[in-house]
Amino acid sequence: MIKSLGHLFLSGIFISGGFGAFANPGGRVEKVGKAGIPEPKVATELNGAAMVVGGAMLGLNIAPKLGAALLISTIIPTTVVGHAFWSEEGEAGRKAQQTQFYKNLGLLGGLLLVLTEK
């Protein structure tokens, strides 16, 4: 039961954030384009959709390892492109992006733990 609850709690941020990226890509598209990723709007929407699908799989315990692997494939580019604190010029922006970067590393750690579950 604790493992299932952990999966559910871990999935929430991916479902919520992924839906936001899919339904309203907004300023994310510019960051993705600046990173040199082709078709930045489509890439942003696909990344968001993959987060929703992977999050749902994890949260509902439907092939949770596959869901975690899908989420890992989305969180790595999201973290590098979306939270590049080293590129921020202002101290406040750098600190805010650094916090988001390390939060995503924590989520990545949780997903890696899901992959190691028996």
Protein backbone atom coordinates (compact mmCIF):
# COMPACT_ATOMS: atom_id res chain seq x y z
CA MET A 1 0.00 0.00 0.00
CA ILE A 2 2.83 2.42 0.82
CA LYS A 3 4.46 1.76 -2.55
CA SER A 4 1.17 2.44 -4.37
CA LEU A 5 0.67 5.64 -2.39
CA GLY A 6 4.22 6.71 -3.22
CA HIS A 7 3.59 6.11 -6.92
CA LEU A 8 0.39 8.14 -6.73
CA PHE A 9 2.09 11.06 -4.95
CA LEU A 10 5.04 11.00 -7.36
CA SER A 11 2.75 10.98 -10.39
CA GLY A 12 0.81 14.13 -9.50
CA ILE A 13 3.41 16.69 -10.53
CA PHE A 14 3.90 14.98 -13.88
CA ILE A 15 0.19 14.79 -14.66
CA SER A 16 -0.42 18.39 -13.63
CA GLY A 17 2.71 19.87 -15.24
CA GLY A 18 2.37 17.73 -18.33
CA PHE A 19 -1.22 18.79 -18.88
CA GLY A 20 -0.16 22.43 -18.54
CA ALA A 21 2.62 22.00 -21.09
CA PHE A 22 0.30 20.19 -23.50
CA ALA A 23 -2.71 22.48 -23.19
CA ASN A 24 -0.86 25.78 -22.87
CA PRO A 25 2.78 25.50 -23.96
CA GLY A 26 3.25 29.28 -23.67
CA GLY A 27 6.77 30.48 -22.89
CA ARG A 28 8.13 26.95 -22.80
CA VAL A 29 8.15 26.94 -26.60
CA GLU A 30 10.67 29.79 -26.72
CA LYS A 31 13.06 28.00 -24.34
CA VAL A 32 12.76 24.79 -26.36
CA GLY A 33 13.42 26.68 -29.59
CA LYS A 34 16.46 28.44 -28.13
CA ALA A 35 17.83 25.01 -27.18
CA GLY A 36 17.83 24.09 -30.88
CA ILE A 37 15.08 21.50 -30.67
CA PRO A 38 13.15 21.34 -33.97
CA GLU A 39 9.43 22.08 -33.99
CA PRO A 40 9.53 23.51 -30.46
CA LYS A 41 5.74 23.82 -30.04
CA VAL A 42 5.15 20.22 -31.11
CA ALA A 43 8.08 19.02 -28.99
CA THR A 44 6.69 20.85 -25.94
CA GLU A 45 3.21 19.42 -26.47
CA LEU A 46 4.53 15.89 -26.99
CA ASN A 47 6.68 16.14 -23.87
CA GLY A 48 3.63 17.28 -21.91
CA ALA A 49 1.47 14.48 -23.29
CA ALA A 50 4.16 11.92 -22.42
CA MET A 51 4.23 13.27 -18.86
CA VAL A 52 0.48 12.84 -18.54
CA VAL A 53 0.57 9.29 -19.92
CA GLY A 54 3.61 8.25 -17.87
CA GLY A 55 2.21 9.89 -14.75
CA ALA A 56 -1.13 8.13 -15.18
CA MET A 57 0.60 4.79 -15.69
CA LEU A 58 2.65 5.28 -12.54
CA GLY A 59 -0.18 6.66 -10.44
CA LEU A 60 -2.62 3.93 -11.42
CA ASN A 61 0.01 1.17 -11.14
CA ILE A 62 -0.46 0.22 -14.79
CA ALA A 63 3.04 -0.89 -15.84
CA PRO A 64 4.63 1.52 -13.33
CA LYS A 65 8.19 0.75 -14.44
CA LEU A 66 7.31 1.59 -18.05
CA GLY A 67 5.59 4.75 -16.83
CA ALA A 68 8.67 5.69 -14.79
CA ALA A 69 10.93 5.08 -17.80
CA LEU A 70 8.71 7.32 -19.92
CA LEU A 71 8.82 10.02 -17.24
CA ILE A 72 12.61 9.77 -17.03
CA SER A 73 12.75 10.40 -20.78
CA THR A 74 10.74 13.60 -20.26
CA ILE A 75 12.26 14.98 -17.08
CA ILE A 76 15.85 14.99 -18.32
CA PRO A 77 15.27 17.38 -21.26
CA THR A 78 12.75 19.36 -19.22
CA THR A 79 15.33 19.89 -16.50
CA VAL A 80 18.23 20.78 -18.79
CA VAL A 81 16.24 23.05 -21.12
CA GLY A 82 13.67 24.47 -18.72
CA HIS A 83 15.75 25.03 -15.61
CA ALA A 84 19.19 26.02 -16.89
CA PHE A 85 20.07 28.08 -13.81
CA TRP A 86 23.64 28.52 -15.09
CA SER A 87 22.27 30.67 -17.93
CA GLU A 88 20.33 33.05 -15.70
CA GLU A 89 21.80 36.53 -15.36
CA GLY A 90 19.98 37.74 -12.27
CA GLU A 91 20.52 36.25 -8.82
CA ALA A 92 16.78 35.80 -8.14
CA GLY A 93 16.19 34.03 -11.46
CA ARG A 94 19.26 31.84 -10.94
CA LYS A 95 18.12 30.79 -7.47
CA ALA A 96 14.55 30.08 -8.64
CA GLN A 97 15.77 27.94 -11.55
CA GLN A 98 18.31 26.20 -9.34
CA THR A 99 15.53 25.22 -6.93
CA GLN A 100 13.48 23.80 -9.82
CA PHE A 101 16.54 22.01 -11.20
CA TYR A 102 17.23 20.26 -7.89
CA LYS A 103 13.53 19.50 -7.39
CA ASN A 104 13.58 17.71 -10.74
CA LEU A 105 16.70 15.79 -9.71
CA GLY A 106 14.76 14.61 -6.65
CA LEU A 107 11.89 13.51 -8.88
CA LEU A 108 14.38 11.72 -11.11
CA GLY A 109 15.71 9.93 -8.03
CA GLY A 110 12.20 8.81 -7.12
CA LEU A 111 11.64 7.51 -10.65
CA LEU A 112 14.91 5.60 -10.54
CA LEU A 113 13.75 3.97 -7.32
CA VAL A 114 10.55 2.87 -9.06
CA LEU A 115 12.70 1.15 -11.69
CA THR A 116 14.49 -0.83 -8.98
CA GLU A 117 11.31 -2.07 -7.25
CA LYS A 118 10.61 -5.78 -7.20
